[in-house]
Amino acid sequence: RFFIRDQKKSKRTAAQEIELTPLLCTGEFSRIS
């Protein structure tokens, strides 16, 4: 996951997250032997 979020979460407010979707990945990243 890639996202922008608050540095500190207040107990009275919900954390806000903005998801970022990659345009491209140069290689295989599903398994590291």
All heavy atoms as atom14 arrays in JSON, in Angstrom:
{
  "sequence": "RFFIRDQKKSKRTAAQEIELTPLLCTGEFSRIS",
  "atom14_mask": [
    [1, 1, 1, 1, 1, 1, 1, 1, 1, 1, 1, 0, 0, 0],
    [1, 1, 1, 1, 1, 1, 1, 1, 1, 1, 1, 0, 0, 0],
    [1, 1, 1, 1, 1, 1, 1, 1, 1, 1, 1, 0, 0, 0],
    [1, 1, 1, 1, 1, 1, 1, 1, 0, 0, 0, 0, 0, 0],
    [1, 1, 1, 1, 1, 1, 1, 1, 1, 1, 1, 0, 0, 0],
    [1, 1, 1, 1, 1, 1, 1, 1, 0, 0, 0, 0, 0, 0],
    [1, 1, 1, 1, 1, 1, 1, 1, 1, 0, 0, 0, 0, 0],
    [1, 1, 1, 1, 1, 1, 1, 1, 1, 0, 0, 0, 0, 0],
    [1, 1, 1, 1, 1, 1, 1, 1, 1, 0, 0, 0, 0, 0],
    [1, 1, 1, 1, 1, 1, 0, 0, 0, 0, 0, 0, 0, 0],
    [1, 1, 1, 1, 1, 1, 1, 1, 1, 0, 0, 0, 0, 0],
    [1, 1, 1, 1, 1, 1, 1, 1, 1, 1, 1, 0, 0, 0],
    [1, 1, 1, 1, 1, 1, 1, 0, 0, 0, 0, 0, 0, 0],
    [1, 1, 1, 1, 1, 0, 0, 0, 0, 0, 0, 0, 0, 0],
    [1, 1, 1, 1, 1, 0, 0, 0, 0, 0, 0, 0, 0, 0],
    [1, 1, 1, 1, 1, 1, 1, 1, 1, 0, 0, 0, 0, 0],
    [1, 1, 1, 1, 1, 1, 1, 1, 1, 0, 0, 0, 0, 0],
    [1, 1, 1, 1, 1, 1, 1, 1, 0, 0, 0, 0, 0, 0],
    [1, 1, 1, 1, 1, 1, 1, 1, 1, 0, 0, 0, 0, 0],
    [1, 1, 1, 1, 1, 1, 1, 1, 0, 0, 0, 0, 0, 0],
    [1, 1, 1, 1, 1, 1, 1, 0, 0, 0, 0, 0, 0, 0],
    [1, 1, 1, 1, 1, 1, 1, 0, 0, 0, 0, 0, 0, 0],
    [1, 1, 1, 1, 1, 1, 1, 1, 0, 0, 0, 0, 0, 0],
    [1, 1, 1, 1, 1, 1, 1, 1, 0, 0, 0, 0, 0, 0],
    [1, 1, 1, 1, 1, 1, 0, 0, 0, 0, 0, 0, 0, 0],
    [1, 1, 1, 1, 1, 1, 1, 0, 0, 0, 0, 0, 0, 0],
    [1, 1, 1, 1, 0, 0, 0, 0, 0, 0, 0, 0, 0, 0],
    [1, 1, 1, 1, 1, 1, 1, 1, 1, 0, 0, 0, 0, 0],
    [1, 1, 1, 1, 1, 1, 1, 1, 1, 1, 1, 0, 0, 0],
    [1, 1, 1, 1, 1, 1, 0, 0, 0, 0, 0, 0, 0, 0],
    [1, 1, 1, 1, 1, 1, 1, 1, 1, 1, 1, 0, 0, 0],
    [1, 1, 1, 1, 1, 1, 1, 1, 0, 0, 0, 0, 0, 0],
    [1, 1, 1, 1, 1, 1, 0, 0, 0, 0, 0, 0, 0, 0]
  ],
  "atom14_positions": [
    [[0.83, -1.21, 0.0], [0.0, 0.0, 0.0], [0.86, 1.26, 0.0], [1.91, 1.3, 0.63], [-0.93, 0.03, 1.22], [-1.96, -1.08, 1.27], [-2.89, -0.84, 2.45], [-3.65, 0.38, 2.28], [-4.06, 1.16, 3.3], [-3.72, 0.86, 4.55], [-4.77, 2.25, 3.07], [0.0, 0.0, 0.0], [0.0, 0.0, 0.0], [0.0, 0.0, 0.0]],
    [[0.37, 2.28, -0.7], [0.98, 3.6, -0.71], [-0.13, 4.61, -0.38], [-1.15, 4.65, -1.07], [1.55, 3.94, -2.09], [2.56, 2.94, -2.6], [2.15, 1.78, -3.25], [3.92, 3.17, -2.44], [3.08, 0.87, -3.73], [4.85, 2.26, -2.92], [4.43, 1.11, -3.56], [0.0, 0.0, 0.0], [0.0, 0.0, 0.0], [0.0, 0.0, 0.0]],
    [[0.07, 5.41, 0.65], [-0.98, 6.38, 0.98], [-0.41, 7.53, 1.8], [0.66, 7.44, 2.41], [-2.15, 5.71, 1.72], [-1.76, 4.95, 2.96], [-1.77, 5.56, 4.21], [-1.36, 3.62, 2.88], [-1.42, 4.87, 5.36], [-1.0, 2.92, 4.01], [-1.03, 3.54, 5.26], [0.0, 0.0, 0.0], [0.0, 0.0, 0.0], [0.0, 0.0, 0.0]],
    [[-1.14, 8.64, 1.8], [-0.81, 9.81, 2.61], [-1.77, 9.85, 3.78], [-2.98, 9.72, 3.6], [-0.92, 11.11, 1.78], [0.12, 11.09, 0.65], [-0.71, 12.33, 2.67], [0.0, 12.27, -0.29], [0.0, 0.0, 0.0], [0.0, 0.0, 0.0], [0.0, 0.0, 0.0], [0.0, 0.0, 0.0], [0.0, 0.0, 0.0], [0.0, 0.0, 0.0]],
    [[-1.23, 10.01, 4.99], [-2.09, 10.0, 6.18], [-1.56, 10.98, 7.22], [-0.45, 11.51, 7.11], [-2.17, 8.6, 6.77], [-0.86, 8.09, 7.35], [-1.07, 6.72, 7.96], [0.17, 6.2, 8.54], [0.25, 5.02, 9.15], [-0.83, 4.25, 9.23], [1.38, 4.6, 9.66], [0.0, 0.0, 0.0], [0.0, 0.0, 0.0], [0.0, 0.0, 0.0]],
    [[-2.36, 11.2, 8.25], [-1.99, 12.12, 9.33], [-0.78, 11.57, 10.1], [-0.65, 10.37, 10.3], [-3.15, 12.32, 10.3], [-4.38, 12.91, 9.63], [-4.2, 13.66, 8.65], [-5.51, 12.62, 10.08], [0.0, 0.0, 0.0], [0.0, 0.0, 0.0], [0.0, 0.0, 0.0], [0.0, 0.0, 0.0], [0.0, 0.0, 0.0], [0.0, 0.0, 0.0]],
    [[0.09, 12.5, 10.54], [1.23, 12.09, 11.35], [0.78, 11.58, 12.72], [1.31, 10.6, 13.23], [2.2, 13.26, 11.53], [2.96, 13.62, 10.26], [4.03, 14.67, 10.52], [4.39, 14.93, 11.67], [4.55, 15.28, 9.46], [0.0, 0.0, 0.0], [0.0, 0.0, 0.0], [0.0, 0.0, 0.0], [0.0, 0.0, 0.0], [0.0, 0.0, 0.0]],
    [[-0.2, 12.25, 13.3], [-0.73, 11.83, 14.59], [-2.25, 11.72, 14.51], [-2.9, 12.58, 13.93], [-0.33, 12.81, 15.69], [1.17, 12.86, 15.96], [1.49, 13.82, 17.09], [2.99, 13.84, 17.38], [3.31, 14.77, 18.49], [0.0, 0.0, 0.0], [0.0, 0.0, 0.0], [0.0, 0.0, 0.0], [0.0, 0.0, 0.0], [0.0, 0.0, 0.0]],
    [[-2.78, 10.7, 15.08], [-4.22, 10.47, 15.06], [-4.84, 10.95, 16.37], [-4.46, 10.51, 17.46], [-4.52, 8.98, 14.86], [-6.01, 8.66, 14.87], [-6.24, 7.17, 14.72], [-7.72, 6.83, 14.85], [-7.96, 5.37, 14.73], [0.0, 0.0, 0.0], [0.0, 0.0, 0.0], [0.0, 0.0, 0.0], [0.0, 0.0, 0.0], [0.0, 0.0, 0.0]],
    [[-5.79, 11.86, 16.26], [-6.51, 12.33, 17.44], [-7.54, 11.28, 17.86], [-8.14, 10.62, 17.02], [-7.22, 13.65, 17.13], [-8.06, 14.02, 18.21], [0.0, 0.0, 0.0], [0.0, 0.0, 0.0], [0.0, 0.0, 0.0], [0.0, 0.0, 0.0], [0.0, 0.0, 0.0], [0.0, 0.0, 0.0], [0.0, 0.0, 0.0], [0.0, 0.0, 0.0]],
    [[-7.72, 11.15, 19.17], [-8.67, 10.15, 19.66], [-10.1, 10.5, 19.27], [-10.96, 9.63, 19.2], [-8.57, 10.04, 21.19], [-7.23, 9.49, 21.67], [-7.21, 9.36, 23.18], [-5.88, 8.78, 23.68], [-5.84, 8.65, 25.14], [0.0, 0.0, 0.0], [0.0, 0.0, 0.0], [0.0, 0.0, 0.0], [0.0, 0.0, 0.0], [0.0, 0.0, 0.0]],
    [[-10.37, 11.76, 19.01], [-11.74, 12.2, 18.71], [-12.05, 12.26, 17.22], [-13.17, 12.51, 16.82], [-11.99, 13.57, 19.33], [-11.92, 13.55, 20.86], [-12.31, 14.9, 21.42], [-12.3, 14.9, 22.88], [-12.66, 15.94, 23.63], [-13.03, 17.07, 23.05], [-12.61, 15.85, 24.95], [0.0, 0.0, 0.0], [0.0, 0.0, 0.0], [0.0, 0.0, 0.0]],
    [[-11.05, 12.08, 16.39], [-11.28, 12.17, 14.95], [-10.77, 10.91, 14.26], [-9.82, 10.27, 14.71], [-10.57, 13.4, 14.34], [-9.15, 13.28, 14.58], [-11.09, 14.68, 14.94], [0.0, 0.0, 0.0], [0.0, 0.0, 0.0], [0.0, 0.0, 0.0], [0.0, 0.0, 0.0], [0.0, 0.0, 0.0], [0.0, 0.0, 0.0], [0.0, 0.0, 0.0]],
    [[-11.39, 10.58, 13.14], [-10.96, 9.43, 12.36], [-9.76, 9.81, 11.51], [-9.64, 10.93, 11.04], [-12.11, 8.96, 11.47], [0.0, 0.0, 0.0], [0.0, 0.0, 0.0], [0.0, 0.0, 0.0], [0.0, 0.0, 0.0], [0.0, 0.0, 0.0], [0.0, 0.0, 0.0], [0.0, 0.0, 0.0], [0.0, 0.0, 0.0], [0.0, 0.0, 0.0]],
    [[-8.85, 8.87, 11.35], [-7.66, 9.12, 10.54], [-8.07, 9.23, 9.08], [-8.89, 8.47, 8.58], [-6.67, 7.98, 10.72], [0.0, 0.0, 0.0], [0.0, 0.0, 0.0], [0.0, 0.0, 0.0], [0.0, 0.0, 0.0], [0.0, 0.0, 0.0], [0.0, 0.0, 0.0], [0.0, 0.0, 0.0], [0.0, 0.0, 0.0], [0.0, 0.0, 0.0]],
    [[-7.49, 10.22, 8.38], [-7.77, 10.42, 6.96], [-6.61, 9.87, 6.14], [-5.46, 10.21, 6.36], [-7.98, 11.9, 6.67], [-9.22, 12.48, 7.33], [-9.44, 13.92, 6.95], [-8.56, 14.58, 6.42], [-10.64, 14.41, 7.21], [0.0, 0.0, 0.0], [0.0, 0.0, 0.0], [0.0, 0.0, 0.0], [0.0, 0.0, 0.0], [0.0, 0.0, 0.0]],
    [[-6.94, 9.02, 5.17], [-5.92, 8.42, 4.32], [-6.27, 8.65, 2.85], [-7.43, 8.53, 2.46], [-5.81, 6.91, 4.58], [-5.33, 6.56, 5.98], [-5.18, 5.07, 6.19], [-5.55, 4.31, 5.26], [-4.71, 4.64, 7.26], [0.0, 0.0, 0.0], [0.0, 0.0, 0.0], [0.0, 0.0, 0.0], [0.0, 0.0, 0.0], [0.0, 0.0, 0.0]],
    [[-5.25, 8.97, 2.06], [-5.41, 9.14, 0.62], [-4.57, 8.07, -0.05], [-3.35, 8.09, 0.0], [-4.96, 10.54, 0.16], [-5.76, 11.63, 0.89], [-5.1, 10.69, -1.35], [-5.27, 13.03, 0.6], [0.0, 0.0, 0.0], [0.0, 0.0, 0.0], [0.0, 0.0, 0.0], [0.0, 0.0, 0.0], [0.0, 0.0, 0.0], [0.0, 0.0, 0.0]],
    [[-5.24, 7.11, -0.66], [-4.53, 6.0, -1.31], [-3.92, 6.47, -2.63], [-4.55, 7.19, -3.41], [-5.51, 4.86, -1.58], [-4.84, 3.57, -2.0], [-4.56, 2.65, -0.83], [-5.19, 2.79, 0.24], [-3.69, 1.77, -0.99], [0.0, 0.0, 0.0], [0.0, 0.0, 0.0], [0.0, 0.0, 0.0], [0.0, 0.0, 0.0], [0.0, 0.0, 0.0]],
    [[-2.69, 6.06, -2.88], [-2.0, 6.37, -4.14], [-1.76, 5.07, -4.9], [-1.26, 4.1, -4.33], [-0.66, 7.07, -3.87], [-0.74, 8.41, -3.12], [0.66, 8.96, -2.88], [-1.57, 9.42, -3.9], [0.0, 0.0, 0.0], [0.0, 0.0, 0.0], [0.0, 0.0, 0.0], [0.0, 0.0, 0.0], [0.0, 0.0, 0.0], [0.0, 0.0, 0.0]],
    [[-2.11, 5.05, -6.17], [-1.96, 3.84, -6.98], [-0.77, 3.99, -7.92], [-0.72, 4.94, -8.71], [-3.23, 3.58, -7.82], [-4.35, 3.46, -6.94], [-3.09, 2.3, -8.63], [0.0, 0.0, 0.0], [0.0, 0.0, 0.0], [0.0, 0.0, 0.0], [0.0, 0.0, 0.0], [0.0, 0.0, 0.0], [0.0, 0.0, 0.0], [0.0, 0.0, 0.0]],
    [[0.2, 3.09, -7.86], [1.37, 3.18, -8.76], [0.95, 3.06, -10.22], [0.03, 2.32, -10.57], [2.23, 1.99, -8.33], [1.81, 1.69, -6.94], [0.34, 1.99, -6.89], [0.0, 0.0, 0.0], [0.0, 0.0, 0.0], [0.0, 0.0, 0.0], [0.0, 0.0, 0.0], [0.0, 0.0, 0.0], [0.0, 0.0, 0.0], [0.0, 0.0, 0.0]],
    [[1.66, 3.8, -11.07], [1.43, 3.71, -12.51], [2.12, 2.49, -13.09], [1.67, 1.93, -14.1], [1.97, 4.97, -13.21], [1.43, 6.32, -12.73], [2.17, 7.45, -13.43], [-0.07, 6.41, -12.96], [0.0, 0.0, 0.0], [0.0, 0.0, 0.0], [0.0, 0.0, 0.0], [0.0, 0.0, 0.0], [0.0, 0.0, 0.0], [0.0, 0.0, 0.0]],
    [[3.22, 2.07, -12.43], [4.03, 1.0, -12.99], [5.0, 0.47, -11.95], [5.43, 1.2, -11.06], [4.79, 1.54, -14.21], [5.79, 0.65, -14.95], [5.72, 0.91, -16.44], [7.21, 0.89, -14.45], [0.0, 0.0, 0.0], [0.0, 0.0, 0.0], [0.0, 0.0, 0.0], [0.0, 0.0, 0.0], [0.0, 0.0, 0.0], [0.0, 0.0, 0.0]],
    [[5.34, -0.8, -12.07], [6.4, -1.41, -11.26], [7.35, -2.12, -12.21], [6.9, -2.8, -13.15], [5.82, -2.39, -10.25], [7.08, -3.27, -9.28], [0.0, 0.0, 0.0], [0.0, 0.0, 0.0], [0.0, 0.0, 0.0], [0.0, 0.0, 0.0], [0.0, 0.0, 0.0], [0.0, 0.0, 0.0], [0.0, 0.0, 0.0], [0.0, 0.0, 0.0]],
    [[8.66, -2.01, -11.98], [9.63, -2.54, -12.93], [9.84, -4.05, -12.83], [10.44, -4.64, -13.73], [11.0, -1.86, -12.75], [11.45, -2.05, -11.4], [10.92, -0.38, -13.07], [0.0, 0.0, 0.0], [0.0, 0.0, 0.0], [0.0, 0.0, 0.0], [0.0, 0.0, 0.0], [0.0, 0.0, 0.0], [0.0, 0.0, 0.0], [0.0, 0.0, 0.0]],
    [[9.39, -4.67, -11.76], [9.67, -6.1, -11.63], [8.67, -6.84, -10.77], [7.66, -6.31, -10.35], [0.0, 0.0, 0.0], [0.0, 0.0, 0.0], [0.0, 0.0, 0.0], [0.0, 0.0, 0.0], [0.0, 0.0, 0.0], [0.0, 0.0, 0.0], [0.0, 0.0, 0.0], [0.0, 0.0, 0.0], [0.0, 0.0, 0.0], [0.0, 0.0, 0.0]],
    [[8.99, -8.09, -10.51], [8.14, -8.97, -9.7], [8.33, -8.66, -8.23], [9.46, -8.59, -7.74], [8.49, -10.43, -9.99], [7.66, -11.43, -9.22], [6.18, -11.35, -9.55], [5.84, -11.11, -10.72], [5.36, -11.52, -8.61], [0.0, 0.0, 0.0], [0.0, 0.0, 0.0], [0.0, 0.0, 0.0], [0.0, 0.0, 0.0], [0.0, 0.0, 0.0]],
    [[7.22, -8.49, -7.53], [7.3, -8.11, -6.11], [6.36, -8.95, -5.26], [5.96, -8.56, -4.19], [6.94, -6.62, -5.97], [7.57, -5.95, -4.76], [8.91, -5.65, -4.74], [6.8, -5.63, -3.66], [9.49, -5.02, -3.64], [7.36, -5.01, -2.54], [8.71, -4.71, -2.54], [0.0, 0.0, 0.0], [0.0, 0.0, 0.0], [0.0, 0.0, 0.0]],
    [[5.98, -10.12, -5.75], [5.0, -10.94, -5.04], [5.63, -11.96, -4.11], [5.02, -12.38, -3.13], [4.09, -11.67, -6.04], [4.85, -12.52, -6.87], [0.0, 0.0, 0.0], [0.0, 0.0, 0.0], [0.0, 0.0, 0.0], [0.0, 0.0, 0.0], [0.0, 0.0, 0.0], [0.0, 0.0, 0.0], [0.0, 0.0, 0.0], [0.0, 0.0, 0.0]],
    [[6.87, -12.37, -4.38], [7.55, -13.35, -3.51], [9.04, -13.06, -3.46], [9.68, -12.86, -4.49], [7.32, -14.77, -4.0], [8.31, -15.78, -3.39], [8.02, -17.21, -3.75], [6.92, -17.77, -2.94], [6.71, -19.07, -2.77], [7.5, -19.95, -3.36], [5.71, -19.5, -2.04], [0.0, 0.0, 0.0], [0.0, 0.0, 0.0], [0.0, 0.0, 0.0]],
    [[9.57, -13.07, -2.23], [11.01, -12.96, -2.02], [11.45, -14.28, -1.39], [11.1, -14.58, -0.25], [11.38, -11.78, -1.09], [10.63, -10.51, -1.51], [12.88, -11.55, -1.1], [10.89, -10.05, -2.92], [0.0, 0.0, 0.0], [0.0, 0.0, 0.0], [0.0, 0.0, 0.0], [0.0, 0.0, 0.0], [0.0, 0.0, 0.0], [0.0, 0.0, 0.0]],
    [[12.17, -15.06, -2.14], [12.6, -16.37, -1.65], [13.55, -16.24, -0.46], [14.09, -15.16, -0.21], [13.29, -17.16, -2.78], [12.41, -17.33, -3.88], [0.0, 0.0, 0.0], [0.0, 0.0, 0.0], [0.0, 0.0, 0.0], [0.0, 0.0, 0.0], [0.0, 0.0, 0.0], [0.0, 0.0, 0.0], [0.0, 0.0, 0.0], [0.0, 0.0, 0.0]]
  ]
}
